[in-house]
PDB file of N, CA and C in Angstrom:
ATOM      1  N   UNK A   1       0.824  -1.193   0.000  1.00  0.00           N
ATOM      2  CA  UNK A   1       0.000   0.000   0.000  1.00  0.00           C
ATOM      3  C   UNK A   1       0.869   1.259   0.000  1.00  0.00           C
ATOM      4  N   UNK A   2       1.960   1.215   0.725  1.00  0.00           N
ATOM      5  CA  UNK A   2       2.854   2.365   0.776  1.00  0.00           C
ATOM      6  C   UNK A   2       3.386   2.693  -0.618  1.00  0.00           C
ATOM      7  N   UNK A   3       3.771   1.666  -1.373  1.00  0.00           N
ATOM      8  CA  UNK A   3       4.282   1.886  -2.727  1.00  0.00           C
ATOM      9  C   UNK A   3       3.217   2.540  -3.604  1.00  0.00           C
ATOM     10  N   UNK A   4       1.973   2.073  -3.497  1.00  0.00           N
ATOM     11  CA  UNK A   4       0.879   2.630  -4.297  1.00  0.00           C
ATOM     12  C   UNK A   4       0.658   4.096  -3.927  1.00  0.00           C
ATOM     13  N   UNK A   5       0.643   4.407  -2.640  1.00  0.00           N
ATOM     14  CA  UNK A   5       0.453   5.790  -2.201  1.00  0.00           C
ATOM     15  C   UNK A   5       1.597   6.675  -2.671  1.00  0.00           C
ATOM     16  N   UNK A   6       2.810   6.172  -2.573  1.00  0.00           N
ATOM     17  CA  UNK A   6       3.990   6.921  -2.996  1.00  0.00           C
ATOM     18  C   UNK A   6       3.915   7.206  -4.498  1.00  0.00           C
ATOM     19  N   UNK A   7       3.601   6.212  -5.276  1.00  0.00           N
ATOM     20  CA  UNK A   7       3.494   6.380  -6.723  1.00  0.00           C
ATOM     21  C   UNK A   7       2.357   7.335  -7.075  1.00  0.00           C
ATOM     22  N   UNK A   8       1.230   7.207  -6.381  1.00  0.00           N
ATOM     23  CA  UNK A   8       0.095   8.093  -6.619  1.00  0.00           C
ATOM     24  C   UNK A   8       0.502   9.550  -6.430  1.00  0.00           C
ATOM     25  N   UNK A   9       1.184   9.849  -5.341  1.00  0.00           N
ATOM     26  CA  UNK A   9       1.589  11.218  -5.054  1.00  0.00           C
ATOM     27  C   UNK A   9       2.503  11.762  -6.156  1.00  0.00           C
ATOM     28  N   UNK A  10       3.493  10.984  -6.566  1.00  0.00           N
ATOM     29  CA  UNK A  10       4.423  11.467  -7.583  1.00  0.00           C
ATOM     30  C   UNK A  10       3.767  11.601  -8.957  1.00  0.00           C
ATOM     31  N   UNK A  11       2.853  10.700  -9.268  1.00  0.00           N
ATOM     32  CA  UNK A  11       2.127  10.814 -10.546  1.00  0.00           C
ATOM     33  C   UNK A  11       1.217  12.035 -10.529  1.00  0.00           C
ATOM     34  N   UNK A  12       0.566  12.281  -9.395  1.00  0.00           N
ATOM     35  CA  UNK A  12      -0.283  13.461  -9.242  1.00  0.00           C
ATOM     36  C   UNK A  12       0.561  14.719  -9.435  1.00  0.00           C
ATOM     37  N   UNK A  13       1.717  14.747  -8.808  1.00  0.00           N
ATOM     38  CA  UNK A  13       2.588  15.916  -8.913  1.00  0.00           C
ATOM     39  C   UNK A  13       3.068  16.112 -10.361  1.00  0.00           C
ATOM     40  N   UNK A  14       3.392  15.044 -11.039  1.00  0.00           N
ATOM     41  CA  UNK A  14       3.856  15.125 -12.416  1.00  0.00           C
ATOM     42  C   UNK A  14       2.770  15.733 -13.316  1.00  0.00           C
ATOM     43  N   UNK A  15       1.546  15.288 -13.156  1.00  0.00           N
ATOM     44  CA  UNK A  15       0.436  15.810 -13.958  1.00  0.00           C
ATOM     45  C   UNK A  15       0.188  17.282 -13.619  1.00  0.00           C
ATOM     46  N   UNK A  16       0.270  17.629 -12.352  1.00  0.00           N
ATOM     47  CA  UNK A  16       0.081  19.023 -11.944  1.00  0.00           C
ATOM     48  C   UNK A  16       1.160  19.920 -12.553  1.00  0.00           C
ATOM     49  N   UNK A  17       2.400  19.448 -12.569  1.00  0.00           N
ATOM     50  CA  UNK A  17       3.487  20.235 -13.164  1.00  0.00           C
ATOM     51  C   UNK A  17       3.271  20.431 -14.665  1.00  0.00           C
ATOM     52  N   UNK A  18       2.755  19.426 -15.349  1.00  0.00           N
ATOM     53  CA  UNK A  18       2.469  19.563 -16.775  1.00  0.00           C
ATOM     54  C   UNK A  18       1.423  20.647 -17.024  1.00  0.00           C
ATOM     55  N   UNK A  19       0.435  20.717 -16.162  1.00  0.00           N
ATOM     56  CA  UNK A  19      -0.666  21.668 -16.354  1.00  0.00           C
ATOM     57  C   UNK A  19      -0.354  23.058 -15.807  1.00  0.00           C
ATOM     58  N   UNK A  20       0.264  23.136 -14.615  1.00  0.00           N
ATOM     59  CA  UNK A  20       0.408  24.416 -13.926  1.00  0.00           C
ATOM     60  C   UNK A  20       1.842  24.914 -13.793  1.00  0.00           C
ATOM     61  N   UNK A  21       2.822  24.080 -14.116  1.00  0.00           N
ATOM     62  CA  UNK A  21       4.217  24.473 -13.969  1.00  0.00           C
ATOM     63  C   UNK A  21       4.774  24.112 -12.598  1.00  0.00           C
ATOM     64  N   UNK A  22       6.087  24.187 -12.497  1.00  0.00           N
ATOM     65  CA  UNK A  22       6.782  23.736 -11.291  1.00  0.00           C
ATOM     66  C   UNK A  22       6.481  24.607 -10.078  1.00  0.00           C
ATOM     67  N   UNK A  23       6.507  25.916 -10.253  1.00  0.00           N
ATOM     68  CA  UNK A  23       6.317  26.812  -9.102  1.00  0.00           C
ATOM     69  C   UNK A  23       4.907  26.714  -8.523  1.00  0.00           C
ATOM     70  N   UNK A  24       3.910  26.741  -9.383  1.00  0.00           N
ATOM     71  CA  UNK A  24       2.524  26.621  -8.915  1.00  0.00           C
ATOM     72  C   UNK A  24       2.296  25.273  -8.244  1.00  0.00           C
ATOM     73  N   UNK A  25       2.866  24.223  -8.811  1.00  0.00           N
ATOM     74  CA  UNK A  25       2.727  22.897  -8.215  1.00  0.00           C
ATOM     75  C   UNK A  25       3.384  22.847  -6.846  1.00  0.00           C
ATOM     76  N   UNK A  26       4.563  23.444  -6.716  1.00  0.00           N
ATOM     77  CA  UNK A  26       5.234  23.474  -5.409  1.00  0.00           C
ATOM     78  C   UNK A  26       4.354  24.171  -4.370  1.00  0.00           C
ATOM     79  N   UNK A  27       3.695  25.257  -4.756  1.00  0.00           N
ATOM     80  CA  UNK A  27       2.778  25.951  -3.845  1.00  0.00           C
ATOM     81  C   UNK A  27       1.607  25.047  -3.454  1.00  0.00           C
ATOM     82  N   UNK A  28       1.076  24.315  -4.433  1.00  0.00           N
ATOM     83  CA  UNK A  28      -0.034  23.402  -4.152  1.00  0.00           C
ATOM     84  C   UNK A  28       0.400  22.249  -3.249  1.00  0.00           C
ATOM     85  N   UNK A  29       1.592  21.734  -3.464  1.00  0.00           N
ATOM     86  CA  UNK A  29       2.111  20.659  -2.616  1.00  0.00           C
ATOM     87  C   UNK A  29       2.277  21.162  -1.181  1.00  0.00           C
ATOM     88  N   UNK A  30       2.813  22.367  -1.032  1.00  0.00           N
ATOM     89  CA  UNK A  30       2.944  22.942   0.310  1.00  0.00           C
ATOM     90  C   UNK A  30       1.588  23.078   0.974  1.00  0.00           C
ATOM     91  N   UNK A  31       0.589  23.546   0.238  1.00  0.00           N
ATOM     92  CA  UNK A  31      -0.765  23.686   0.789  1.00  0.00           C
ATOM     93  C   UNK A  31      -1.355  22.332   1.144  1.00  0.00           C
ATOM     94  N   UNK A  32      -1.090  21.325   0.322  1.00  0.00           N
ATOM     95  CA  UNK A  32      -1.550  19.962   0.597  1.00  0.00           C
ATOM     96  C   UNK A  32      -1.005  19.474   1.938  1.00  0.00           C
ATOM     97  N   UNK A  33       0.325  19.602   2.143  1.00  0.00           N
ATOM     98  CA  UNK A  33       0.922  19.120   3.384  1.00  0.00           C
ATOM     99  C   UNK A  33       0.484  19.956   4.581  1.00  0.00           C
ATOM    100  N   UNK A  34       0.209  21.231   4.371  1.00  0.00           N
ATOM    101  CA  UNK A  34      -0.330  22.061   5.438  1.00  0.00           C
ATOM    102  C   UNK A  34      -1.698  21.510   5.862  1.00  0.00           C
ATOM    103  N   UNK A  35      -2.524  21.188   4.876  1.00  0.00           N
ATOM    104  CA  UNK A  35      -3.843  20.634   5.154  1.00  0.00           C
ATOM    105  C   UNK A  35      -3.744  19.285   5.863  1.00  0.00           C
ATOM    106  N   UNK A  36      -2.813  18.448   5.426  1.00  0.00           N
ATOM    107  CA  UNK A  36      -2.596  17.151   6.085  1.00  0.00           C
ATOM    108  C   UNK A  36      -2.220  17.371   7.557  1.00  0.00           C
ATOM    109  N   UNK A  37      -1.313  18.311   7.802  1.00  0.00           N
ATOM    110  CA  UNK A  37      -0.894  18.603   9.166  1.00  0.00           C
ATOM    111  C   UNK A  37      -2.033  19.119  10.030  1.00  0.00           C
ATOM    112  N   UNK A  38      -2.861  19.973   9.448  1.00  0.00           N
ATOM    113  CA  UNK A  38      -4.014  20.493  10.189  1.00  0.00           C
ATOM    114  C   UNK A  38      -4.984  19.367  10.536  1.00  0.00           C
ATOM    115  N   UNK A  39      -5.227  18.489   9.580  1.00  0.00           N
ATOM    116  CA  UNK A  39      -6.116  17.351   9.827  1.00  0.00           C
ATOM    117  C   UNK A  39      -5.564  16.422  10.887  1.00  0.00           C
ATOM    118  N   UNK A  40      -4.272  16.180  10.844  1.00  0.00           N
ATOM    119  CA  UNK A  40      -3.630  15.310  11.842  1.00  0.00           C
ATOM    120  C   UNK A  40      -3.734  15.947  13.222  1.00  0.00           C
ATOM    121  N   UNK A  41      -3.502  17.283  13.286  1.00  0.00           N
ATOM    122  CA  UNK A  41      -3.619  17.995  14.556  1.00  0.00           C
ATOM    123  C   UNK A  41      -5.023  17.904  15.124  1.00  0.00           C
ATOM    124  N   UNK A  42      -6.025  18.065  14.274  1.00  0.00           N
ATOM    125  CA  UNK A  42      -7.418  17.945  14.711  1.00  0.00           C
ATOM    126  C   UNK A  42      -7.696  16.539  15.253  1.00  0.00           C
ATOM    127  N   UNK A  43      -7.152  15.536  14.581  1.00  0.00           N
ATOM    128  CA  UNK A  43      -7.348  14.158  15.030  1.00  0.00           C
ATOM    129  C   UNK A  43      -6.740  13.937  16.416  1.00  0.00           C
ATOM    130  N   UNK A  44      -5.537  14.480  16.637  1.00  0.00           N
ATOM    131  CA  UNK A  44      -4.910  14.361  17.953  1.00  0.00           C
ATOM    132  C   UNK A  44      -5.752  15.040  19.020  1.00  0.00           C
ATOM    133  N   UNK A  45      -6.270  16.229  18.705  1.00  0.00           N
ATOM    134  CA  UNK A  45      -7.108  16.928  19.675  1.00  0.00           C
ATOM    135  C   UNK A  45      -8.376  16.146  19.993  1.00  0.00           C
ATOM    136  N   UNK A  46      -8.982  15.562  18.971  1.00  0.00           N
ATOM    137  CA  UNK A  46     -10.232  14.814  19.162  1.00  0.00           C
ATOM    138  C   UNK A  46     -10.043  13.505  19.902  1.00  0.00           C
ATOM    139  N   UNK A  47      -8.811  13.000  19.951  1.00  0.00           N
ATOM    140  CA  UNK A  47      -8.556  11.730  20.651  1.00  0.00           C
ATOM    141  C   UNK A  47      -7.794  11.950  21.942  1.00  0.00           C
ATOM    142  N   UNK A  48      -7.700  13.176  22.390  1.00  0.00           N
ATOM    143  CA  UNK A  48      -6.995  13.470  23.639  1.00  0.00           C
ATOM    144  C   UNK A  48      -5.503  13.297  23.522  1.00  0.00           C
ATOM    145  N   UNK A  49      -4.956  13.392  22.327  1.00  0.00           N
ATOM    146  CA  UNK A  49      -3.513  13.291  22.117  1.00  0.00           C
ATOM    147  C   UNK A  49      -2.998  11.887  21.920  1.00  0.00           C
ATOM    148  N   UNK A  50      -3.881  10.914  21.865  1.00  0.00           N
ATOM    149  CA  UNK A  50      -3.453   9.528  21.678  1.00  0.00           C
ATOM    150  C   UNK A  50      -3.341   9.209  20.193  1.00  0.00           C
ATOM    151  N   UNK A  51      -2.175   8.713  19.792  1.00  0.00           N
ATOM    152  CA  UNK A  51      -1.993   8.347  18.381  1.00  0.00           C
ATOM    153  C   UNK A  51      -2.485   6.939  18.095  1.00  0.00           C
ATOM    154  N   UNK A  52      -2.873   6.180  19.103  1.00  0.00           N
ATOM    155  CA  UNK A  52      -3.283   4.791  18.891  1.00  0.00           C
ATOM    156  C   UNK A  52      -4.590   4.687  18.123  1.00  0.00           C
ATOM    157  N   UNK A  53      -5.472   5.689  18.244  1.00  0.00           N
ATOM    158  CA  UNK A  53      -6.757   5.590  17.578  1.00  0.00           C
ATOM    159  C   UNK A  53      -6.814   6.355  16.269  1.00  0.00           C
ATOM    160  N   UNK A  54      -5.671   6.875  15.824  1.00  0.00           N
ATOM    161  CA  UNK A  54      -5.624   7.604  14.553  1.00  0.00           C
ATOM    162  C   UNK A  54      -5.216   6.666  13.434  1.00  0.00           C
ATOM    163  N   UNK A  55      -5.969   6.656  12.349  1.00  0.00           N
ATOM    164  CA  UNK A  55      -5.619   5.806  11.211  1.00  0.00           C
ATOM    165  C   UNK A  55      -4.568   6.465  10.382  1.00  0.00           C
TER     166      UNK A  55
END
């Protein structure tokens, strides 16, 4: 599953670079990881800081 997720991310980035260029894609990737971090933070808050119940 990790390999599939890794490949998915790089293929997504490649297609984005073709359409929007390298700089715009880099901005979108940064925003993506910011959103991931915010979601992870919310999950920690909702579980009282326990990582055991986070998928």
